[in-house]
Amino acid sequence: MEKQIIPKTEQSRLSLRTLMQDTECKGLIERIYFDAFNFGRIDNFSLQHEENKTLINMITNMHTLEGKGITADHLSIHAYDQCNWKTDPHLKQRLPLFFGCLKNYQQGALQKKEILPRDHYYDISVLPESAFQKAYPNYYTLAYSIVALFKASNLKDLLIFLYSKKRMSFHHHYPESTEIDLKNTFYPEVNFLLDIEIAVLDNNLDRLYNLLQLTEKAKDCYINEKKLGLAIADLELNAADTLRNEDVSYQKNRAMLFCSLVQKYNEAKGIKKTPTPAHYSHYFFINVFNIALPDSFDATLVDKNSVAFDEFKDLITDIIELKHQSKEAIQRKVHFLYFQGK
């Protein structure tokens, strides 16, 4: 009889189910979950907070749990399975990620042979913060990761991405249209992206993503980014075709520089995949919170060597810088990039 192969995403859940059938293990798991929940209710946690004692005790208890075969992944999955998205407060939804932070600490501390702080973990007058960071770098990172995590909200998609039974696969959402309407679609979308407030740019990354896909379609038709920019220069437009009836030449120039930024992005990323806005967001929060991935997780989904996370971030930075540039500076750049020597 052929042996059944259990997917990695199910192995941790099955072993957790087995552990929960053991009365002692079930009690240990539920106890540390309860401790984590109460710890998460602390206001203004910091390195100087006396509740570092509680955090250190939890880390110590997790070492005990490992002797019973209970891992941080088991605790994250257990916490995830307790979530009710409609009724639970944000705190309960942060707990799976909290155990992911503890796992990251455990891995780093083991690698560096870092001991837990005992005498100086909340009295800054005894040991300055810079000295504390040098002595306990992984614990220092853990404390500030927890501060950031407990202030965060809207983490449901990230939790599903990391801990759901049905993990998300990496795929592109191409714009539905198979043709590029330069005047009525591409050009207005570029200028909308360049015109919105920087504060809401992160909420419009789907527009940027779709524009990147449109430029890829143009390249399939042997129209590279520079030719796309020159095509924008040749568009017949009037003030009514611009946002807020602004200077046509100025908005054309901005759109042309956007095409040059896309070219820079594509050259930098090479054969890497462009991350969807959701995947970029997940990657960002995983790194901000210093969350260790579950052992069952497909790490290639957040591998910066195969997905252009860093390059996408650089493109966003370049777009923000473009939004700050004067009309004169933009005009000079357009001339240099597109018309110098003509």
Protein backbone atom coordinates (compact mmCIF):
# COMPACT_ATOMS: atom_id res chain seq x y z
CA MET A 1 0.00 0.00 0.00
CA GLU A 2 1.39 3.40 -1.01
CA LYS A 3 2.27 5.61 1.94
CA GLN A 4 0.15 8.76 2.14
CA ILE A 5 2.15 11.98 1.90
CA ILE A 6 0.91 14.61 4.34
CA PRO A 7 1.36 18.21 3.11
CA LYS A 8 3.69 20.32 5.25
CA THR A 9 0.85 22.75 5.95
CA GLU A 10 -1.06 19.93 7.68
CA GLN A 11 1.78 18.29 9.59
CA SER A 12 1.94 20.91 12.36
CA ARG A 13 -1.84 20.87 12.75
CA LEU A 14 -1.92 17.09 13.04
CA SER A 15 0.86 17.05 15.63
CA LEU A 16 -0.92 19.87 17.54
CA ARG A 17 -4.10 17.80 17.54
CA THR A 18 -2.15 14.88 19.01
CA LEU A 19 -0.61 17.11 21.68
CA MET A 20 -4.00 18.52 22.66
CA GLN A 21 -5.20 14.96 23.36
CA ASP A 22 -2.59 14.74 26.12
CA THR A 23 -4.00 16.35 29.27
CA GLU A 24 -0.64 17.71 30.46
CA CYS A 25 0.35 19.14 27.06
CA LYS A 26 -3.09 20.66 26.57
CA GLY A 27 -2.83 22.37 29.95
CA LEU A 28 0.63 23.76 29.14
CA ILE A 29 -0.50 25.10 25.76
CA GLU A 30 -3.62 26.72 27.17
CA ARG A 31 -1.66 28.21 30.07
CA ILE A 32 0.96 29.92 27.93
CA TYR A 33 -1.79 31.13 25.57
CA PHE A 34 -3.58 32.65 28.59
CA ASP A 35 -0.31 34.24 29.77
CA ALA A 36 0.31 35.69 26.31
CA PHE A 37 -3.21 37.09 26.16
CA ASN A 38 -2.78 38.85 29.51
CA PHE A 39 0.66 40.08 28.53
CA GLY A 40 -0.83 41.62 25.38
CA ARG A 41 -3.21 43.68 27.49
CA ILE A 42 -0.34 45.62 29.06
CA ASP A 43 -0.35 49.31 28.15
CA ASN A 44 2.85 50.99 26.99
CA PHE A 45 5.11 47.94 27.15
CA SER A 46 8.79 48.83 26.78
CA LEU A 47 12.23 47.65 27.85
CA GLN A 48 11.76 49.62 31.05
CA HIS A 49 8.40 48.03 31.89
CA GLU A 50 8.39 45.70 34.88
CA GLU A 51 6.35 43.19 32.85
CA ASN A 52 9.56 42.17 31.11
CA LYS A 53 9.61 39.66 33.96
CA THR A 54 6.45 38.10 32.52
CA LEU A 55 7.93 38.02 29.02
CA ILE A 56 11.14 36.38 30.27
CA ASN A 57 9.09 33.80 32.19
CA MET A 58 7.14 32.97 29.02
CA ILE A 59 10.37 32.47 27.08
CA THR A 60 11.67 30.24 29.86
CA ASN A 61 8.41 28.27 29.86
CA MET A 62 8.66 27.79 26.09
CA HIS A 63 11.98 26.01 26.64
CA THR A 64 10.10 23.68 28.99
CA LEU A 65 7.37 23.15 26.39
CA GLU A 66 9.94 22.17 23.78
CA GLY A 67 10.91 19.28 26.04
CA LYS A 68 7.32 18.09 25.61
CA GLY A 69 7.46 18.46 21.84
CA ILE A 70 5.47 21.73 21.86
CA THR A 71 6.96 24.32 19.50
CA ALA A 72 6.32 28.00 18.83
CA ASP A 73 4.60 26.94 15.59
CA HIS A 74 2.14 24.84 17.59
CA LEU A 75 1.40 27.86 19.79
CA SER A 76 0.91 30.14 16.76
CA ILE A 77 -1.48 27.68 15.11
CA HIS A 78 -3.38 27.18 18.37
CA ALA A 79 -3.72 30.96 18.78
CA TYR A 80 -4.80 31.32 15.14
CA ASP A 81 -7.49 28.68 15.57
CA GLN A 82 -8.91 30.60 18.56
CA CYS A 83 -9.57 33.70 16.41
CA ASN A 84 -13.07 34.75 15.54
CA TRP A 85 -12.66 37.48 12.92
CA LYS A 86 -16.09 39.01 13.60
CA THR A 87 -16.07 39.25 17.38
CA ASP A 88 -12.49 39.08 18.66
CA PRO A 89 -10.53 42.20 19.60
CA HIS A 90 -7.32 42.99 17.74
CA LEU A 91 -5.30 41.67 20.67
CA LYS A 92 -6.44 38.09 20.17
CA GLN A 93 -5.59 38.33 16.48
CA ARG A 94 -2.04 39.46 17.30
CA LEU A 95 -1.21 36.42 19.43
CA PRO A 96 -0.25 34.04 16.57
CA LEU A 97 2.24 36.67 15.41
CA PHE A 98 3.42 37.20 18.99
CA PHE A 99 4.50 33.57 19.16
CA GLY A 100 6.15 34.06 15.76
CA CYS A 101 8.18 36.89 17.33
CA LEU A 102 9.16 34.61 20.21
CA LYS A 103 10.25 31.95 17.73
CA ASN A 104 12.43 34.48 15.94
CA TYR A 105 13.98 35.46 19.27
CA GLN A 106 14.64 31.82 20.18
CA GLN A 107 16.38 31.17 16.86
CA GLY A 108 18.54 34.29 17.09
CA ALA A 109 19.44 33.79 20.74
CA LEU A 110 20.38 30.16 20.11
CA GLN A 111 22.58 31.09 17.18
CA LYS A 112 24.38 33.86 19.12
CA LYS A 113 24.33 31.94 22.42
CA GLU A 114 22.59 34.91 24.00
CA ILE A 115 21.33 34.41 27.54
CA LEU A 116 18.13 35.96 28.86
CA PRO A 117 18.56 39.27 30.68
CA ARG A 118 18.15 38.81 34.42
CA ASP A 119 19.34 41.86 36.34
CA HIS A 120 18.94 44.81 34.01
CA TYR A 121 15.84 44.18 31.96
CA TYR A 122 13.83 47.17 33.12
CA ASP A 123 16.10 49.41 35.19
CA ILE A 124 17.68 51.74 32.63
CA SER A 125 19.60 53.54 35.38
CA VAL A 126 21.59 50.35 36.02
CA LEU A 127 22.35 49.58 32.37
CA PRO A 128 21.92 52.24 29.63
CA GLU A 129 19.79 51.21 26.66
CA SER A 130 22.75 51.19 24.24
CA ALA A 131 24.65 48.84 26.54
CA PHE A 132 21.55 46.67 26.95
CA GLN A 133 21.20 46.42 23.17
CA LYS A 134 24.81 45.34 22.84
CA ALA A 135 24.52 42.76 25.62
CA TYR A 136 21.13 41.36 24.59
CA PRO A 137 20.60 42.21 20.87
CA ASN A 138 17.94 39.57 20.21
CA TYR A 139 15.92 40.39 23.31
CA TYR A 140 16.21 44.09 22.47
CA THR A 141 14.82 43.41 18.97
CA LEU A 142 12.05 41.25 20.46
CA ALA A 143 10.91 43.98 22.84
CA TYR A 144 10.63 46.60 20.10
CA SER A 145 8.97 44.11 17.73
CA ILE A 146 6.30 43.48 20.35
CA VAL A 147 5.76 47.22 20.83
CA ALA A 148 5.15 47.60 17.06
CA LEU A 149 2.98 44.48 16.86
CA PHE A 150 0.68 45.47 19.72
CA LYS A 151 0.02 48.83 18.06
CA ALA A 152 -0.90 47.26 14.72
CA SER A 153 -4.37 46.51 13.37
CA ASN A 154 -5.91 44.92 10.27
CA LEU A 155 -3.65 41.88 10.45
CA LYS A 156 -6.22 39.32 9.28
CA ASP A 157 -4.77 38.92 5.77
CA LEU A 158 -1.25 38.44 7.15
CA LEU A 159 -2.50 35.80 9.60
CA ILE A 160 -4.29 33.91 6.84
CA PHE A 161 -1.15 34.15 4.69
CA LEU A 162 1.02 32.61 7.41
CA TYR A 163 -1.24 30.21 9.30
CA SER A 164 -4.31 29.29 7.27
CA LYS A 165 -4.90 25.66 6.27
CA LYS A 166 -5.09 26.81 2.66
CA ARG A 167 -2.05 28.95 2.06
CA MET A 168 -2.08 31.59 -0.65
CA SER A 169 -0.11 30.76 -3.77
CA PHE A 170 1.98 33.38 -5.53
CA HIS A 171 0.23 34.57 -8.65
CA HIS A 172 -0.22 37.76 -10.59
CA HIS A 173 -3.50 39.62 -11.04
CA TYR A 174 -3.14 41.05 -14.51
CA PRO A 175 -5.46 43.85 -15.63
CA GLU A 176 -8.43 42.40 -17.50
CA SER A 177 -7.87 44.42 -20.68
CA THR A 178 -5.56 42.87 -23.25
CA GLU A 179 -4.93 46.20 -25.00
CA ILE A 180 -3.19 49.36 -23.83
CA ASP A 181 -5.25 52.50 -24.17
CA LEU A 182 -2.49 55.05 -23.72
CA LYS A 183 -4.63 58.18 -23.68
CA ASN A 184 -7.70 57.01 -21.77
CA THR A 185 -6.23 54.40 -19.38
CA PHE A 186 -2.46 54.34 -18.95
CA TYR A 187 -1.79 58.09 -18.97
CA PRO A 188 -4.68 59.01 -16.58
CA GLU A 189 -3.74 56.19 -14.20
CA VAL A 190 -0.11 57.33 -14.07
CA ASN A 191 -1.11 60.90 -13.32
CA PHE A 192 -3.64 59.81 -10.70
CA LEU A 193 -0.88 57.83 -8.96
CA LEU A 194 1.49 60.81 -9.10
CA ASP A 195 -1.19 63.22 -7.92
CA ILE A 196 -2.48 61.45 -4.80
CA GLU A 197 -1.19 62.35 -1.35
CA ILE A 198 1.89 60.45 -0.22
CA ALA A 199 0.05 59.41 2.94
CA VAL A 200 -2.41 57.30 0.91
CA LEU A 201 0.08 55.96 -1.63
CA ASP A 202 0.32 52.61 0.17
CA ASN A 203 -3.43 52.19 -0.27
CA ASN A 204 -3.06 52.59 -4.03
CA LEU A 205 -0.28 50.12 -4.74
CA ASP A 206 -2.74 48.06 -6.77
CA ARG A 207 -2.72 50.93 -9.29
CA LEU A 208 1.08 50.85 -9.43
CA TYR A 209 1.05 47.07 -9.80
CA ASN A 210 -1.43 47.24 -12.70
CA LEU A 211 0.64 49.91 -14.41
CA LEU A 212 3.69 47.65 -14.17
CA GLN A 213 1.71 44.86 -15.80
CA LEU A 214 0.58 47.22 -18.58
CA THR A 215 4.19 48.15 -19.32
CA GLU A 216 4.98 44.43 -19.56
CA LYS A 217 2.18 44.05 -22.10
CA ALA A 218 3.60 46.96 -24.07
CA LYS A 219 6.98 45.22 -24.15
CA ASP A 220 5.27 42.14 -25.55
CA CYS A 221 4.33 44.41 -28.45
CA TYR A 222 7.98 45.55 -28.78
CA ILE A 223 7.26 48.86 -27.04
CA ASN A 224 9.79 49.37 -24.25
CA GLU A 225 9.51 51.87 -21.43
CA LYS A 226 11.32 54.63 -23.32
CA LYS A 227 9.11 54.23 -26.39
CA LEU A 228 6.11 54.34 -24.08
CA GLY A 229 7.37 57.64 -22.65
CA LEU A 230 7.91 59.06 -26.13
CA ALA A 231 4.40 57.96 -27.10
CA ILE A 232 3.08 59.96 -24.15
CA ALA A 233 5.01 62.98 -25.42
CA ASP A 234 3.20 62.65 -28.77
CA LEU A 235 -0.28 62.45 -27.25
CA GLU A 236 -2.66 65.20 -28.33
CA LEU A 237 -4.05 66.50 -25.06
CA ASN A 238 -5.64 69.62 -23.69
CA ALA A 239 -6.29 70.90 -20.18
CA ALA A 240 -9.54 68.92 -19.96
CA ASP A 241 -7.52 65.70 -20.26
CA THR A 242 -5.49 66.49 -17.14
CA LEU A 243 -6.25 66.28 -13.45
CA ARG A 244 -7.61 69.58 -12.13
CA ASN A 245 -6.99 71.23 -15.56
CA GLU A 246 -3.28 71.51 -14.83
CA ASP A 247 -0.42 72.25 -17.20
CA VAL A 248 -0.50 69.56 -19.92
CA SER A 249 3.25 69.72 -20.49
CA TYR A 250 3.97 69.25 -16.79
CA GLN A 251 1.75 66.19 -16.46
CA LYS A 252 3.14 64.67 -19.64
CA ASN A 253 6.66 65.13 -18.31
CA ARG A 254 5.77 63.47 -15.02
CA ALA A 255 4.27 60.50 -16.84
CA MET A 256 7.37 60.20 -19.02
CA LEU A 257 9.62 60.18 -15.95
CA PHE A 258 7.38 57.52 -14.44
CA CYS A 259 8.15 55.35 -17.48
CA SER A 260 11.87 55.87 -16.91
CA LEU A 261 11.44 54.83 -13.25
CA VAL A 262 9.66 51.67 -14.38
CA GLN A 263 12.55 50.97 -16.73
CA LYS A 264 14.99 51.39 -13.82
CA TYR A 265 12.84 49.03 -11.72
CA ASN A 266 12.64 46.36 -14.42
CA GLU A 267 16.39 46.48 -15.02
CA ALA A 268 17.07 46.19 -11.27
CA LYS A 269 14.73 43.25 -10.66
CA GLY A 270 15.85 41.24 -13.66
CA ILE A 271 14.04 37.90 -13.69
CA LYS A 272 12.53 38.34 -10.22
CA LYS A 273 8.74 38.34 -9.91
CA THR A 274 6.93 41.56 -9.14
CA PRO A 275 5.15 41.19 -5.78
CA THR A 276 1.43 41.79 -5.65
CA PRO A 277 0.49 44.60 -3.25
CA ALA A 278 -0.75 42.01 -0.74
CA HIS A 279 2.49 40.04 -0.84
CA TYR A 280 4.54 43.22 -0.56
CA SER A 281 2.51 44.21 2.52
CA HIS A 282 2.97 40.77 4.10
CA TYR A 283 6.71 40.83 3.47
CA PHE A 284 6.93 44.32 4.98
CA PHE A 285 5.10 43.35 8.20
CA ILE A 286 6.97 40.05 8.59
CA ASN A 287 10.20 42.04 8.63
CA VAL A 288 8.93 44.96 10.72
CA PHE A 289 7.64 42.60 13.42
CA ASN A 290 10.61 40.20 13.04
CA ILE A 291 8.34 37.17 12.72
CA ALA A 292 9.88 33.75 12.15
CA LEU A 293 8.07 31.86 9.40
CA PRO A 294 6.29 28.63 10.35
CA ASP A 295 8.32 25.54 9.43
CA SER A 296 5.48 24.46 7.13
CA PHE A 297 5.44 27.76 5.25
CA ASP A 298 6.68 28.02 1.66
CA ALA A 299 9.53 30.44 2.27
CA THR A 300 9.96 31.11 -1.47
CA LEU A 301 6.85 33.30 -1.26
CA VAL A 302 8.82 35.88 0.73
CA ASP A 303 12.28 35.24 -0.69
CA LYS A 304 13.78 38.54 -1.82
CA ASN A 305 16.14 36.66 -4.11
CA SER A 306 13.23 35.49 -6.28
CA VAL A 307 10.62 38.20 -5.60
CA ALA A 308 11.44 41.88 -6.18
CA PHE A 309 10.43 43.20 -2.74
CA ASP A 310 13.43 45.50 -2.31
CA GLU A 311 13.25 46.77 -5.89
CA PHE A 312 9.51 47.44 -5.52
CA LYS A 313 10.24 49.44 -2.36
CA ASP A 314 12.91 51.42 -4.22
CA LEU A 315 10.41 52.16 -7.00
CA ILE A 316 7.93 53.52 -4.45
CA THR A 317 10.70 55.70 -2.99
CA ASP A 318 11.57 56.98 -6.47
CA ILE A 319 7.92 57.82 -7.14
CA ILE A 320 7.71 59.78 -3.89
CA GLU A 321 10.84 61.71 -4.87
CA LEU A 322 9.30 62.44 -8.28
CA LYS A 323 6.20 63.82 -6.58
CA HIS A 324 8.43 66.33 -4.72
CA GLN A 325 10.30 67.59 -7.77
CA SER A 326 9.67 71.00 -9.30
CA LYS A 327 8.33 71.50 -12.81
CA GLU A 328 11.70 72.86 -13.89
CA ALA A 329 13.64 69.88 -12.52
CA ILE A 330 11.22 67.46 -14.17
CA GLN A 331 11.55 69.28 -17.50
CA ARG A 332 15.36 69.08 -17.33
CA LYS A 333 15.26 65.35 -16.58
CA VAL A 334 12.87 64.65 -19.44
CA HIS A 335 15.11 66.52 -21.83
CA PHE A 336 18.18 64.62 -20.60
CA LEU A 337 16.54 61.18 -20.73
CA TYR A 338 14.51 61.50 -23.91
CA PHE A 339 15.73 64.31 -26.13
CA GLN A 340 19.41 64.96 -25.44
CA GLY A 341 21.37 64.90 -28.68
CA LYS A 342 18.27 65.34 -30.83
